[in-house]
C-alpha atoms as a PDB file:
ATOM      1  CA  MET A   1      81.195 114.039 199.612  1.00  0.00           C
ATOM      2  CA  ARG A   2      80.735 114.876 195.941  1.00  0.00           C
ATOM      3  CA  ILE A   3      82.874 113.532 193.102  1.00  0.00           C
ATOM      4  CA  SER A   4      82.338 114.761 189.559  1.00  0.00           C
ATOM      5  CA  VAL A   5      84.244 113.681 186.460  1.00  0.00           C
ATOM      6  CA  GLN A   6      82.940 115.865 183.663  1.00  0.00           C
ATOM      7  CA  GLU A   7      83.740 117.298 180.270  1.00  0.00           C
ATOM      8  CA  ALA A   8      81.965 120.591 180.884  1.00  0.00           C
ATOM      9  CA  ALA A   9      83.671 123.604 182.420  1.00  0.00           C
ATOM     10  CA  PHE A  10      82.721 124.480 185.994  1.00  0.00           C
ATOM     11  CA  ASP A  11      82.143 127.825 187.676  1.00  0.00           C
ATOM     12  CA  LEU A  12      84.805 128.066 190.381  1.00  0.00           C
ATOM     13  CA  GLY A  13      83.005 130.777 192.340  1.00  0.00           C
ATOM     14  CA  ALA A  14      79.671 129.000 192.264  1.00  0.00           C
ATOM     15  CA  GLU A  15      81.214 125.656 193.251  1.00  0.00           C
ATOM     16  CA  ALA A  16      83.198 127.177 196.135  1.00  0.00           C
ATOM     17  CA  SER A  17      80.200 129.164 197.372  1.00  0.00           C
ATOM     18  CA  SER A  18      77.868 126.175 197.181  1.00  0.00           C
ATOM     19  CA  PHE A  19      80.390 123.952 198.975  1.00  0.00           C
ATOM     20  CA  ALA A  20      80.949 126.462 201.785  1.00  0.00           C
ATOM     21  CA  SER A  21      77.308 127.417 202.287  1.00  0.00           C
ATOM     22  CA  GLY A  22      76.179 124.300 204.118  1.00  0.00           C
ATOM     23  CA  HIS A  23      79.003 124.055 206.628  1.00  0.00           C
ATOM     24  CA  LYS A  24      78.237 126.355 209.534  1.00  0.00           C
ATOM     25  CA  ASP A  25      79.920 123.961 211.972  1.00  0.00           C
ATOM     26  CA  MET A  26      83.200 123.984 210.012  1.00  0.00           C
ATOM     27  CA  GLY A  27      85.921 126.519 210.808  1.00  0.00           C
ATOM     28  CA  ALA A  28      87.938 125.993 207.610  1.00  0.00           C
ATOM     29  CA  ILE A  29      87.163 125.639 203.927  1.00  0.00           C
ATOM     30  CA  VAL A  30      90.141 125.013 201.655  1.00  0.00           C
ATOM     31  CA  THR A  31      89.904 125.044 197.870  1.00  0.00           C
ATOM     32  CA  PHE A  32      92.451 124.382 195.160  1.00  0.00           C
ATOM     33  CA  THR A  33      92.003 124.653 191.414  1.00  0.00           C
ATOM     34  CA  GLY A  34      94.347 123.179 188.814  1.00  0.00           C
ATOM     35  CA  VAL A  35      94.714 125.026 185.506  1.00  0.00           C
ATOM     36  CA  VAL A  36      96.118 123.934 182.137  1.00  0.00           C
ATOM     37  CA  ARG A  37      99.570 125.502 181.968  1.00  0.00           C
ATOM     38  CA  ASP A  38     101.176 126.322 178.631  1.00  0.00           C
ATOM     39  CA  LEU A  39     104.485 124.617 177.876  1.00  0.00           C
ATOM     40  CA  ALA A  40     107.736 126.500 178.549  1.00  0.00           C
ATOM     41  CA  ARG A  41     108.173 127.067 174.827  1.00  0.00           C
ATOM     42  CA  GLY A  42     104.622 128.481 174.629  1.00  0.00           C
ATOM     43  CA  ASP A  43     103.226 126.177 171.963  1.00  0.00           C
ATOM     44  CA  LEU A  44     100.588 124.088 173.736  1.00  0.00           C
ATOM     45  CA  ASP A  45      97.465 124.055 171.578  1.00  0.00           C
ATOM     46  CA  ARG A  46      95.468 121.835 173.921  1.00  0.00           C
ATOM     47  CA  MET A  47      95.673 119.013 176.424  1.00  0.00           C
ATOM     48  CA  VAL A  48      93.436 116.001 175.965  1.00  0.00           C
ATOM     49  CA  ILE A  49      92.522 114.151 179.160  1.00  0.00           C
ATOM     50  CA  GLU A  50      91.161 110.618 178.923  1.00  0.00           C
ATOM     51  CA  HIS A  51      89.682 108.348 181.592  1.00  0.00           C
ATOM     52  CA  TYR A  52      87.667 105.152 182.041  1.00  0.00           C
ATOM     53  CA  PRO A  53      84.113 106.084 183.113  1.00  0.00           C
ATOM     54  CA  GLY A  54      83.059 104.247 186.251  1.00  0.00           C
ATOM     55  CA  MET A  55      86.576 103.186 187.193  1.00  0.00           C
ATOM     56  CA  THR A  56      87.779 106.766 187.574  1.00  0.00           C
ATOM     57  CA  GLU A  57      84.861 107.839 189.759  1.00  0.00           C
ATOM     58  CA  LYS A  58      85.314 104.797 192.010  1.00  0.00           C
ATOM     59  CA  ALA A  59      89.020 105.544 192.415  1.00  0.00           C
ATOM     60  CA  LEU A  60      88.308 109.175 193.326  1.00  0.00           C
ATOM     61  CA  GLU A  61      85.574 108.150 195.781  1.00  0.00           C
ATOM     62  CA  LYS A  62      88.002 105.735 197.431  1.00  0.00           C
ATOM     63  CA  ILE A  63      90.721 108.348 197.952  1.00  0.00           C
ATOM     64  CA  ALA A  64      88.181 110.934 199.172  1.00  0.00           C
ATOM     65  CA  SER A  65      86.862 108.375 201.672  1.00  0.00           C
ATOM     66  CA  GLU A  66      90.424 107.676 202.810  1.00  0.00           C
ATOM     67  CA  ALA A  67      90.951 111.416 203.361  1.00  0.00           C
ATOM     68  CA  GLN A  68      87.760 111.585 205.425  1.00  0.00           C
ATOM     69  CA  ALA A  69      88.950 108.656 207.533  1.00  0.00           C
ATOM     70  CA  ARG A  70      92.411 110.139 208.037  1.00  0.00           C
ATOM     71  CA  TRP A  71      91.453 113.752 208.849  1.00  0.00           C
ATOM     72  CA  ASN A  72      88.531 115.280 210.736  1.00  0.00           C
ATOM     73  CA  LEU A  73      86.570 116.478 207.703  1.00  0.00           C
ATOM     74  CA  GLY A  74      82.995 117.585 207.361  1.00  0.00           C
ATOM     75  CA  ASP A  75      82.928 117.335 203.574  1.00  0.00           C
ATOM     76  CA  VAL A  76      84.996 116.794 200.425  1.00  0.00           C
ATOM     77  CA  LEU A  77      84.486 117.930 196.838  1.00  0.00           C
ATOM     78  CA  VAL A  78      86.512 116.721 193.851  1.00  0.00           C
ATOM     79  CA  ILE A  79      85.788 117.912 190.317  1.00  0.00           C
ATOM     80  CA  HIS A  80      88.008 116.723 187.469  1.00  0.00           C
ATOM     81  CA  ARG A  81      87.481 117.443 183.818  1.00  0.00           C
ATOM     82  CA  HIS A  82      88.242 115.305 180.777  1.00  0.00           C
ATOM     83  CA  GLY A  83      88.308 115.995 177.055  1.00  0.00           C
ATOM     84  CA  ALA A  84      90.154 118.749 175.196  1.00  0.00           C
ATOM     85  CA  LEU A  85      91.299 121.680 177.357  1.00  0.00           C
ATOM     86  CA  GLU A  86      93.232 124.791 176.341  1.00  0.00           C
ATOM     87  CA  PRO A  87      95.876 126.703 178.301  1.00  0.00           C
ATOM     88  CA  GLY A  88      94.139 128.655 181.056  1.00  0.00           C
ATOM     89  CA  ASP A  89      91.201 126.220 181.334  1.00  0.00           C
ATOM     90  CA  MET A  90      90.458 124.803 184.768  1.00  0.00           C
ATOM     91  CA  ILE A  91      91.202 121.068 184.953  1.00  0.00           C
ATOM     92  CA  MET A  92      90.162 120.256 188.497  1.00  0.00           C
ATOM     93  CA  MET A  93      89.010 121.526 191.857  1.00  0.00           C
ATOM     94  CA  VAL A  94      89.408 120.090 195.332  1.00  0.00           C
ATOM     95  CA  ALA A  95      87.570 121.477 198.354  1.00  0.00           C
ATOM     96  CA  THR A  96      87.701 120.304 201.953  1.00  0.00           C
ATOM     97  CA  ALA A  97      85.725 121.436 204.985  1.00  0.00           C
ATOM     98  CA  ALA A  98      86.982 120.794 208.514  1.00  0.00           C
ATOM     99  CA  PRO A  99      86.507 122.187 212.014  1.00  0.00           C
ATOM    100  CA  HIS A 100      90.153 123.337 211.954  1.00  0.00           C
ATOM    101  CA  ARG A 101      92.438 124.556 209.147  1.00  0.00           C
ATOM    102  CA  LYS A 102      95.214 121.986 209.604  1.00  0.00           C
ATOM    103  CA  ASP A 103      92.919 119.091 208.704  1.00  0.00           C
ATOM    104  CA  ALA A 104      91.398 121.014 205.782  1.00  0.00           C
ATOM    105  CA  PHE A 105      94.799 121.972 204.320  1.00  0.00           C
ATOM    106  CA  GLU A 106      96.430 118.572 204.797  1.00  0.00           C
ATOM    107  CA  ALA A 107      93.484 116.680 203.355  1.00  0.00           C
ATOM    108  CA  ALA A 108      93.362 119.007 200.344  1.00  0.00           C
ATOM    109  CA  GLU A 109      97.099 118.506 199.720  1.00  0.00           C
ATOM    110  CA  TYR A 110      96.699 114.740 200.047  1.00  0.00           C
ATOM    111  CA  LEU A 111      93.874 114.741 197.500  1.00  0.00           C
ATOM    112  CA  MET A 112      95.834 116.958 195.097  1.00  0.00           C
ATOM    113  CA  ASP A 113      98.938 114.763 195.354  1.00  0.00           C
ATOM    114  CA  TYR A 114      96.819 111.703 194.628  1.00  0.00           C
ATOM    115  CA  LEU A 115      95.095 113.348 191.669  1.00  0.00           C
ATOM    116  CA  LYS A 116      98.446 114.358 190.186  1.00  0.00           C
ATOM    117  CA  SER A 117     100.121 110.962 190.432  1.00  0.00           C
ATOM    118  CA  ARG A 118      97.639 108.110 190.911  1.00  0.00           C
ATOM    119  CA  ALA A 119      94.190 109.070 189.646  1.00  0.00           C
ATOM    120  CA  PRO A 120      93.331 107.132 186.469  1.00  0.00           C
ATOM    121  CA  PHE A 121      93.573 109.975 183.957  1.00  0.00           C
ATOM    122  CA  TRP A 122      95.801 110.034 180.885  1.00  0.00           C
ATOM    123  CA  LYS A 123      96.980 113.364 179.484  1.00  0.00           C
ATOM    124  CA  LYS A 124      98.206 114.108 175.993  1.00  0.00           C
ATOM    125  CA  GLU A 125      99.742 117.461 175.049  1.00  0.00           C
ATOM    126  CA  ILE A 126      98.984 118.630 171.517  1.00  0.00           C
ATOM    127  CA  THR A 127     101.336 121.195 169.936  1.00  0.00           C
ATOM    128  CA  ARG A 128     101.851 122.410 166.372  1.00  0.00           C
ATOM    129  CA  ASP A 129     104.630 119.819 166.107  1.00  0.00           C
ATOM    130  CA  GLY A 130     102.584 116.809 167.213  1.00  0.00           C
ATOM    131  CA  ALA A 131     101.297 115.069 170.310  1.00  0.00           C
ATOM    132  CA  ASP A 132     102.974 113.525 173.359  1.00  0.00           C
ATOM    133  CA  TRP A 133     101.570 111.652 176.333  1.00  0.00           C
ATOM    134  CA  VAL A 134     102.475 113.301 179.630  1.00  0.00           C
ATOM    135  CA  ALA A 135     104.832 111.074 181.615  1.00  0.00           C
ATOM    136  CA  ALA A 136     104.781 110.697 185.388  1.00  0.00           C
ATOM    137  CA  LYS A 137     107.232 112.986 187.164  1.00  0.00           C
ATOM    138  CA  ASP A 138     109.524 111.982 190.016  1.00  0.00           C
ATOM    139  CA  GLU A 139     108.543 115.060 192.046  1.00  0.00           C
ATOM    140  CA  ASP A 140     104.878 114.020 191.891  1.00  0.00           C
ATOM    141  CA  GLU A 141     105.755 110.574 193.201  1.00  0.00           C
ATOM    142  CA  ASP A 142     107.918 112.145 195.910  1.00  0.00           C
ATOM    143  CA  ALA A 143     105.036 114.384 196.981  1.00  0.00           C
ATOM    144  CA  LEU A 144     102.702 111.404 197.303  1.00  0.00           C
ATOM    145  CA  SER A 145     105.259 109.387 199.287  1.00  0.00           C
ATOM    146  CA  ARG A 146     105.021 111.778 202.242  1.00  0.00           C
ATOM    147  CA  TRP A 147     101.519 110.496 203.019  1.00  0.00           C
END
């Protein structure tokens, strides 16, 4: 298991290749990458993501450990960025390795749902008209409730 909370950009191809390379006994590798999406009106300048160092990593380690206990996983990777990010920048990556695809897909979805609704990150959208904190969405809570 590897958890990384970082300001620096990551190389998706290199991370996915590195994650997959050591898992010859796994039949499935699932990856997901979240990207900063522009607002519907097209005026997002940047998103600023804040976190509490130490607390955030512990929370992500806990949920990754829970995923490993719940599904038959060989490995888990979670990368989440913080700081100022522009539309099109990668925010996060989740990767799971499992003997079979069902476990890999379900565990990856579980981790993504958790990251979206419960992980201790705070997001502020900056536009030419000002700044607003991103509020929790009902659909994100609904997605997490299925687990």
